[in-house]
Amino acid sequence: MADKGPLWERMVRKHGLRDYPYSQIAAWGFGDFVFASDYDIASDTGKARRLGFTECMDSEEMFIRLFGEFRAQRIIP
């Protein structure tokens, strides 16, 4: 994503978005780590749930809510 700054700037102008610096709009290093791994990443929440941490969040609902908030704040189109 390092080369996408100019594209972001064009999107900001085209859609009248708030002018946040591209480098601050997301945790790009985290995405690089998660999506560009040379090995399988496996995680298990079983132990935490067995120890009483049973609450969970509906990921789809969370993303829909967050994207709606980002749109309302003119951060994304």
PDB file of N, CA and C in Angstrom:
ATOM      1  N   MET A   1       0.812  -1.208   0.000  1.00  0.00           N
ATOM      2  CA  MET A   1       0.000   0.000   0.000  1.00  0.00           C
ATOM      3  C   MET A   1       0.853   1.268   0.000  1.00  0.00           C
ATOM      4  N   ALA A   2       2.158   1.114   0.123  1.00  0.00           N
ATOM      5  CA  ALA A   2       3.039   2.277   0.243  1.00  0.00           C
ATOM      6  C   ALA A   2       2.937   3.221  -0.948  1.00  0.00           C
ATOM      7  N   ASP A   3       2.577   2.714  -2.112  1.00  0.00           N
ATOM      8  CA  ASP A   3       2.526   3.556  -3.311  1.00  0.00           C
ATOM      9  C   ASP A   3       1.132   4.134  -3.584  1.00  0.00           C
ATOM     10  N   LYS A   4       0.191   3.984  -2.659  1.00  0.00           N
ATOM     11  CA  LYS A   4      -1.199   4.388  -2.908  1.00  0.00           C
ATOM     12  C   LYS A   4      -1.544   5.788  -2.412  1.00  0.00           C
ATOM     13  N   GLY A   5      -0.573   6.528  -1.882  1.00  0.00           N
ATOM     14  CA  GLY A   5      -0.830   7.887  -1.398  1.00  0.00           C
ATOM     15  C   GLY A   5      -1.457   8.793  -2.445  1.00  0.00           C
ATOM     16  N   PRO A   6      -0.904   8.848  -3.664  1.00  0.00           N
ATOM     17  CA  PRO A   6      -1.507   9.706  -4.697  1.00  0.00           C
ATOM     18  C   PRO A   6      -2.947   9.298  -5.045  1.00  0.00           C
ATOM     19  N   LEU A   7      -3.230   8.016  -5.059  1.00  0.00           N
ATOM     20  CA  LEU A   7      -4.597   7.555  -5.319  1.00  0.00           C
ATOM     21  C   LEU A   7      -5.530   8.049  -4.215  1.00  0.00           C
ATOM     22  N   TRP A   8      -5.085   7.948  -2.956  1.00  0.00           N
ATOM     23  CA  TRP A   8      -5.896   8.420  -1.826  1.00  0.00           C
ATOM     24  C   TRP A   8      -6.181   9.916  -1.975  1.00  0.00           C
ATOM     25  N   GLU A   9      -5.174  10.688  -2.334  1.00  0.00           N
ATOM     26  CA  GLU A   9      -5.358  12.135  -2.493  1.00  0.00           C
ATOM     27  C   GLU A   9      -6.388  12.443  -3.583  1.00  0.00           C
ATOM     28  N   ARG A  10      -6.370  11.686  -4.677  1.00  0.00           N
ATOM     29  CA  ARG A  10      -7.374  11.883  -5.739  1.00  0.00           C
ATOM     30  C   ARG A  10      -8.775  11.538  -5.232  1.00  0.00           C
ATOM     31  N   MET A  11      -8.882  10.467  -4.443  1.00  0.00           N
ATOM     32  CA  MET A  11     -10.189  10.079  -3.896  1.00  0.00           C
ATOM     33  C   MET A  11     -10.720  11.150  -2.942  1.00  0.00           C
ATOM     34  N   VAL A  12      -9.836  11.724  -2.140  1.00  0.00           N
ATOM     35  CA  VAL A  12     -10.239  12.783  -1.210  1.00  0.00           C
ATOM     36  C   VAL A  12     -10.828  13.958  -1.992  1.00  0.00           C
ATOM     37  N   ARG A  13     -10.139  14.383  -3.043  1.00  0.00           N
ATOM     38  CA  ARG A  13     -10.633  15.504  -3.855  1.00  0.00           C
ATOM     39  C   ARG A  13     -11.932  15.145  -4.576  1.00  0.00           C
ATOM     40  N   LYS A  14     -11.963  13.973  -5.196  1.00  0.00           N
ATOM     41  CA  LYS A  14     -13.132  13.560  -5.987  1.00  0.00           C
ATOM     42  C   LYS A  14     -14.400  13.469  -5.143  1.00  0.00           C
ATOM     43  N   HIS A  15     -14.274  12.925  -3.919  1.00  0.00           N
ATOM     44  CA  HIS A  15     -15.448  12.683  -3.080  1.00  0.00           C
ATOM     45  C   HIS A  15     -15.638  13.722  -1.978  1.00  0.00           C
ATOM     46  N   GLY A  16     -14.792  14.747  -1.939  1.00  0.00           N
ATOM     47  CA  GLY A  16     -14.933  15.796  -0.932  1.00  0.00           C
ATOM     48  C   GLY A  16     -14.722  15.284   0.479  1.00  0.00           C
ATOM     49  N   LEU A  17     -13.753  14.395   0.655  1.00  0.00           N
ATOM     50  CA  LEU A  17     -13.499  13.808   1.967  1.00  0.00           C
ATOM     51  C   LEU A  17     -12.647  14.736   2.827  1.00  0.00           C
ATOM     52  N   ARG A  18     -12.652  14.472   4.121  1.00  0.00           N
ATOM     53  CA  ARG A  18     -11.765  15.202   5.026  1.00  0.00           C
ATOM     54  C   ARG A  18     -10.328  14.835   4.682  1.00  0.00           C
ATOM     55  N   ASP A  19      -9.460  15.782   4.773  1.00  0.00           N
ATOM     56  CA  ASP A  19      -8.091  15.603   4.309  1.00  0.00           C
ATOM     57  C   ASP A  19      -7.193  14.997   5.385  1.00  0.00           C
ATOM     58  N   TYR A  20      -7.359  13.695   5.619  1.00  0.00           N
ATOM     59  CA  TYR A  20      -6.485  12.973   6.539  1.00  0.00           C
ATOM     60  C   TYR A  20      -5.262  12.480   5.767  1.00  0.00           C
ATOM     61  N   PRO A  21      -4.081  12.583   6.358  1.00  0.00           N
ATOM     62  CA  PRO A  21      -2.897  12.048   5.673  1.00  0.00           C
ATOM     63  C   PRO A  21      -3.041  10.544   5.447  1.00  0.00           C
ATOM     64  N   TYR A  22      -2.671  10.109   4.266  1.00  0.00           N
ATOM     65  CA  TYR A  22      -2.780   8.694   3.910  1.00  0.00           C
ATOM     66  C   TYR A  22      -2.050   7.804   4.914  1.00  0.00           C
ATOM     67  N   SER A  23      -0.898   8.257   5.379  1.00  0.00           N
ATOM     68  CA  SER A  23      -0.102   7.450   6.313  1.00  0.00           C
ATOM     69  C   SER A  23      -0.812   7.236   7.644  1.00  0.00           C
ATOM     70  N   GLN A  24      -1.833   8.068   7.952  1.00  0.00           N
ATOM     71  CA  GLN A  24      -2.533   7.968   9.234  1.00  0.00           C
ATOM     72  C   GLN A  24      -3.944   7.387   9.117  1.00  0.00           C
ATOM     73  N   ILE A  25      -4.380   7.056   7.919  1.00  0.00           N
ATOM     74  CA  ILE A  25      -5.763   6.604   7.729  1.00  0.00           C
ATOM     75  C   ILE A  25      -5.958   5.145   8.144  1.00  0.00           C
ATOM     76  N   ALA A  26      -4.872   4.380   8.203  1.00  0.00           N
ATOM     77  CA  ALA A  26      -4.952   2.975   8.612  1.00  0.00           C
ATOM     78  C   ALA A  26      -3.607   2.531   9.175  1.00  0.00           C
ATOM     79  N   ALA A  27      -3.615   1.422   9.877  1.00  0.00           N
ATOM     80  CA  ALA A  27      -2.381   0.827  10.400  1.00  0.00           C
ATOM     81  C   ALA A  27      -1.805  -0.082   9.318  1.00  0.00           C
ATOM     82  N   TRP A  28      -1.164   0.525   8.312  1.00  0.00           N
ATOM     83  CA  TRP A  28      -0.710  -0.215   7.141  1.00  0.00           C
ATOM     84  C   TRP A  28       0.263  -1.331   7.499  1.00  0.00           C
ATOM     85  N   GLY A  29       1.139  -1.111   8.463  1.00  0.00           N
ATOM     86  CA  GLY A  29       2.096  -2.147   8.859  1.00  0.00           C
ATOM     87  C   GLY A  29       1.409  -3.391   9.382  1.00  0.00           C
ATOM     88  N   PHE A  30       0.308  -3.209  10.128  1.00  0.00           N
ATOM     89  CA  PHE A  30      -0.440  -4.355  10.641  1.00  0.00           C
ATOM     90  C   PHE A  30      -1.039  -5.155   9.491  1.00  0.00           C
ATOM     91  N   GLY A  31      -1.632  -4.451   8.528  1.00  0.00           N
ATOM     92  CA  GLY A  31      -2.201  -5.137   7.357  1.00  0.00           C
ATOM     93  C   GLY A  31      -1.140  -5.901   6.590  1.00  0.00           C
ATOM     94  N   ASP A  32       0.034  -5.290   6.435  1.00  0.00           N
ATOM     95  CA  ASP A  32       1.135  -5.984   5.764  1.00  0.00           C
ATOM     96  C   ASP A  32       1.496  -7.264   6.501  1.00  0.00           C
ATOM     97  N   PHE A  33       1.542  -7.191   7.819  1.00  0.00           N
ATOM     98  CA  PHE A  33       1.886  -8.361   8.622  1.00  0.00           C
ATOM     99  C   PHE A  33       0.841  -9.471   8.475  1.00  0.00           C
ATOM    100  N   VAL A  34      -0.422  -9.111   8.593  1.00  0.00           N
ATOM    101  CA  VAL A  34      -1.497 -10.103   8.574  1.00  0.00           C
ATOM    102  C   VAL A  34      -1.702 -10.702   7.185  1.00  0.00           C
ATOM    103  N   PHE A  35      -1.696  -9.865   6.140  1.00  0.00           N
ATOM    104  CA  PHE A  35      -2.061 -10.337   4.817  1.00  0.00           C
ATOM    105  C   PHE A  35      -0.885 -10.768   3.950  1.00  0.00           C
ATOM    106  N   ALA A  36       0.338 -10.515   4.385  1.00  0.00           N
ATOM    107  CA  ALA A  36       1.495 -10.871   3.563  1.00  0.00           C
ATOM    108  C   ALA A  36       2.405 -11.877   4.272  1.00  0.00           C
ATOM    109  N   SER A  37       1.847 -12.663   5.151  1.00  0.00           N
ATOM    110  CA  SER A  37       2.631 -13.630   5.907  1.00  0.00           C
ATOM    111  C   SER A  37       3.082 -14.786   5.008  1.00  0.00           C
ATOM    112  N   ASP A  38       4.302 -15.247   5.236  1.00  0.00           N
ATOM    113  CA  ASP A  38       4.820 -16.399   4.494  1.00  0.00           C
ATOM    114  C   ASP A  38       4.433 -17.725   5.147  1.00  0.00           C
ATOM    115  N   TYR A  39       3.674 -17.659   6.229  1.00  0.00           N
ATOM    116  CA  TYR A  39       3.279 -18.867   6.945  1.00  0.00           C
ATOM    117  C   TYR A  39       1.819 -18.736   7.387  1.00  0.00           C
ATOM    118  N   ASP A  40       1.221 -19.855   7.737  1.00  0.00           N
ATOM    119  CA  ASP A  40      -0.168 -19.844   8.194  1.00  0.00           C
ATOM    120  C   ASP A  40      -0.239 -19.260   9.602  1.00  0.00           C
ATOM    121  N   ILE A  41      -1.238 -18.415   9.810  1.00  0.00           N
ATOM    122  CA  ILE A  41      -1.483 -17.854  11.134  1.00  0.00           C
ATOM    123  C   ILE A  41      -2.744 -18.533  11.673  1.00  0.00           C
ATOM    124  N   ALA A  42      -2.592 -19.208  12.787  1.00  0.00           N
ATOM    125  CA  ALA A  42      -3.731 -19.890  13.410  1.00  0.00           C
ATOM    126  C   ALA A  42      -3.911 -19.345  14.818  1.00  0.00           C
ATOM    127  N   SER A  43      -5.145 -19.059  15.168  1.00  0.00           N
ATOM    128  CA  SER A  43      -5.417 -18.597  16.521  1.00  0.00           C
ATOM    129  C   SER A  43      -6.642 -19.328  17.041  1.00  0.00           C
ATOM    130  N   ASP A  44      -6.713 -19.424  18.354  1.00  0.00           N
ATOM    131  CA  ASP A  44      -7.792 -20.169  18.989  1.00  0.00           C
ATOM    132  C   ASP A  44      -8.233 -19.402  20.227  1.00  0.00           C
ATOM    133  N   THR A  45      -9.520 -19.102  20.305  1.00  0.00           N
ATOM    134  CA  THR A  45     -10.031 -18.394  21.483  1.00  0.00           C
ATOM    135  C   THR A  45     -10.627 -19.356  22.504  1.00  0.00           C
ATOM    136  N   GLY A  46     -10.454 -20.651  22.275  1.00  0.00           N
ATOM    137  CA  GLY A  46     -11.043 -21.656  23.167  1.00  0.00           C
ATOM    138  C   GLY A  46     -10.626 -21.514  24.612  1.00  0.00           C
ATOM    139  N   LYS A  47      -9.343 -21.314  24.873  1.00  0.00           N
ATOM    140  CA  LYS A  47      -8.866 -21.211  26.257  1.00  0.00           C
ATOM    141  C   LYS A  47      -9.488 -19.999  26.943  1.00  0.00           C
ATOM    142  N   ALA A  48      -9.523 -18.873  26.269  1.00  0.00           N
ATOM    143  CA  ALA A  48     -10.122 -17.672  26.852  1.00  0.00           C
ATOM    144  C   ALA A  48     -11.598 -17.901  27.162  1.00  0.00           C
ATOM    145  N   ARG A  49     -12.310 -18.550  26.255  1.00  0.00           N
ATOM    146  CA  ARG A  49     -13.736 -18.823  26.493  1.00  0.00           C
ATOM    147  C   ARG A  49     -13.933 -19.784  27.659  1.00  0.00           C
ATOM    148  N   ARG A  50     -13.062 -20.791  27.757  1.00  0.00           N
ATOM    149  CA  ARG A  50     -13.159 -21.724  28.888  1.00  0.00           C
ATOM    150  C   ARG A  50     -12.895 -21.022  30.215  1.00  0.00           C
ATOM    151  N   LEU A  51     -12.128 -19.952  30.198  1.00  0.00           N
ATOM    152  CA  LEU A  51     -11.813 -19.202  31.417  1.00  0.00           C
ATOM    153  C   LEU A  51     -12.816 -18.089  31.698  1.00  0.00           C
ATOM    154  N   GLY A  52     -13.911 -18.052  30.940  1.00  0.00           N
ATOM    155  CA  GLY A  52     -14.990 -17.130  31.252  1.00  0.00           C
ATOM    156  C   GLY A  52     -15.130 -15.925  30.339  1.00  0.00           C
ATOM    157  N   PHE A  53     -14.237 -15.757  29.399  1.00  0.00           N
ATOM    158  CA  PHE A  53     -14.346 -14.637  28.463  1.00  0.00           C
ATOM    159  C   PHE A  53     -15.234 -15.074  27.295  1.00  0.00           C
ATOM    160  N   THR A  54     -16.542 -15.023  27.530  1.00  0.00           N
ATOM    161  CA  THR A  54     -17.482 -15.594  26.559  1.00  0.00           C
ATOM    162  C   THR A  54     -18.131 -14.562  25.650  1.00  0.00           C
ATOM    163  N   GLU A  55     -17.985 -13.273  25.954  1.00  0.00           N
ATOM    164  CA  GLU A  55     -18.597 -12.265  25.096  1.00  0.00           C
ATOM    165  C   GLU A  55     -17.848 -12.187  23.772  1.00  0.00           C
ATOM    166  N   CYS A  56     -18.590 -11.948  22.724  1.00  0.00           N
ATOM    167  CA  CYS A  56     -17.948 -11.782  21.422  1.00  0.00           C
ATOM    168  C   CYS A  56     -18.709 -10.726  20.629  1.00  0.00           C
ATOM    169  N   MET A  57     -18.064 -10.215  19.600  1.00  0.00           N
ATOM    170  CA  MET A  57     -18.660  -9.185  18.767  1.00  0.00           C
ATOM    171  C   MET A  57     -18.960  -9.762  17.388  1.00  0.00           C
ATOM    172  N   ASP A  58     -20.072  -9.380  16.827  1.00  0.00           N
ATOM    173  CA  ASP A  58     -20.418  -9.768  15.469  1.00  0.00           C
ATOM    174  C   ASP A  58     -19.582  -8.904  14.524  1.00  0.00           C
ATOM    175  N   SER A  59     -18.598  -9.504  13.875  1.00  0.00           N
ATOM    176  CA  SER A  59     -17.664  -8.739  13.036  1.00  0.00           C
ATOM    177  C   SER A  59     -18.366  -8.011  11.900  1.00  0.00           C
ATOM    178  N   GLU A  60     -19.308  -8.678  11.244  1.00  0.00           N
ATOM    179  CA  GLU A  60     -20.018  -8.031  10.131  1.00  0.00           C
ATOM    180  C   GLU A  60     -20.771  -6.802  10.620  1.00  0.00           C
ATOM    181  N   GLU A  61     -21.471  -6.928  11.738  1.00  0.00           N
ATOM    182  CA  GLU A  61     -22.217  -5.804  12.307  1.00  0.00           C
ATOM    183  C   GLU A  61     -21.264  -4.650  12.671  1.00  0.00           C
ATOM    184  N   MET A  62     -20.114  -4.991  13.246  1.00  0.00           N
ATOM    185  CA  MET A  62     -19.144  -3.986  13.638  1.00  0.00           C
ATOM    186  C   MET A  62     -18.625  -3.213  12.423  1.00  0.00           C
ATOM    187  N   PHE A  63     -18.262  -3.937  11.338  1.00  0.00           N
ATOM    188  CA  PHE A  63     -17.732  -3.271  10.154  1.00  0.00           C
ATOM    189  C   PHE A  63     -18.790  -2.394   9.495  1.00  0.00           C
ATOM    190  N   ILE A  64     -20.015  -2.863   9.417  1.00  0.00           N
ATOM    191  CA  ILE A  64     -21.088  -2.061   8.833  1.00  0.00           C
ATOM    192  C   ILE A  64     -21.275  -0.778   9.631  1.00  0.00           C
ATOM    193  N   ARG A  65     -21.265  -0.881  10.959  1.00  0.00           N
ATOM    194  CA  ARG A  65     -21.413   0.303  11.818  1.00  0.00           C
ATOM    195  C   ARG A  65     -20.240   1.261  11.631  1.00  0.00           C
ATOM    196  N   LEU A  66     -19.022   0.724  11.660  1.00  0.00           N
ATOM    197  CA  LEU A  66     -17.837   1.574  11.521  1.00  0.00           C
ATOM    198  C   LEU A  66     -17.786   2.266  10.166  1.00  0.00           C
ATOM    199  N   PHE A  67     -18.065   1.525   9.096  1.00  0.00           N
ATOM    200  CA  PHE A  67     -18.049   2.141   7.772  1.00  0.00           C
ATOM    201  C   PHE A  67     -19.114   3.225   7.668  1.00  0.00           C
ATOM    202  N   GLY A  68     -20.263   3.012   8.285  1.00  0.00           N
ATOM    203  CA  GLY A  68     -21.305   4.042   8.314  1.00  0.00           C
ATOM    204  C   GLY A  68     -20.826   5.292   9.043  1.00  0.00           C
ATOM    205  N   GLU A  69     -20.136   5.100  10.161  1.00  0.00           N
ATOM    206  CA  GLU A  69     -19.597   6.238  10.911  1.00  0.00           C
ATOM    207  C   GLU A  69     -18.522   6.961  10.092  1.00  0.00           C
ATOM    208  N   PHE A  70     -17.648   6.198   9.426  1.00  0.00           N
ATOM    209  CA  PHE A  70     -16.599   6.806   8.612  1.00  0.00           C
ATOM    210  C   PHE A  70     -17.196   7.607   7.462  1.00  0.00           C
ATOM    211  N   ARG A  71     -18.276   7.092   6.870  1.00  0.00           N
ATOM    212  CA  ARG A  71     -18.940   7.828   5.789  1.00  0.00           C
ATOM    213  C   ARG A  71     -19.580   9.113   6.332  1.00  0.00           C
ATOM    214  N   ALA A  72     -20.251   9.010   7.475  1.00  0.00           N
ATOM    215  CA  ALA A  72     -20.897  10.184   8.064  1.00  0.00           C
ATOM    216  C   ALA A  72     -19.873  11.258   8.406  1.00  0.00           C
ATOM    217  N   GLN A  73     -18.662  10.860   8.766  1.00  0.00           N
ATOM    218  CA  GLN A  73     -17.605  11.810   9.106  1.00  0.00           C
ATOM    219  C   GLN A  73     -16.786  12.241   7.887  1.00  0.00           C
ATOM    220  N   ARG A  74     -17.180  11.776   6.704  1.00  0.00           N
ATOM    221  CA  ARG A  74     -16.510  12.096   5.433  1.00  0.00           C
ATOM    222  C   ARG A  74     -15.052  11.644   5.435  1.00  0.00           C
ATOM    223  N   ILE A  75     -14.804  10.472   6.037  1.00  0.00           N
ATOM    224  CA  ILE A  75     -13.458   9.887   6.032  1.00  0.00           C
ATOM    225  C   ILE A  75     -13.304   8.946   4.838  1.00  0.00           C
ATOM    226  N   ILE A  76     -14.377   8.239   4.492  1.00  0.00           N
ATOM    227  CA  ILE A  76     -14.401   7.374   3.312  1.00  0.00           C
ATOM    228  C   ILE A  76     -15.624   7.747   2.480  1.00  0.00           C
ATOM    229  N   PRO A  77     -15.581   7.452   1.177  1.00  0.00           N
ATOM    230  CA  PRO A  77     -16.747   7.780   0.320  1.00  0.00           C
ATOM    231  C   PRO A  77     -17.941   6.874   0.584  1.00  0.00           C
TER     232      PRO A  77
END
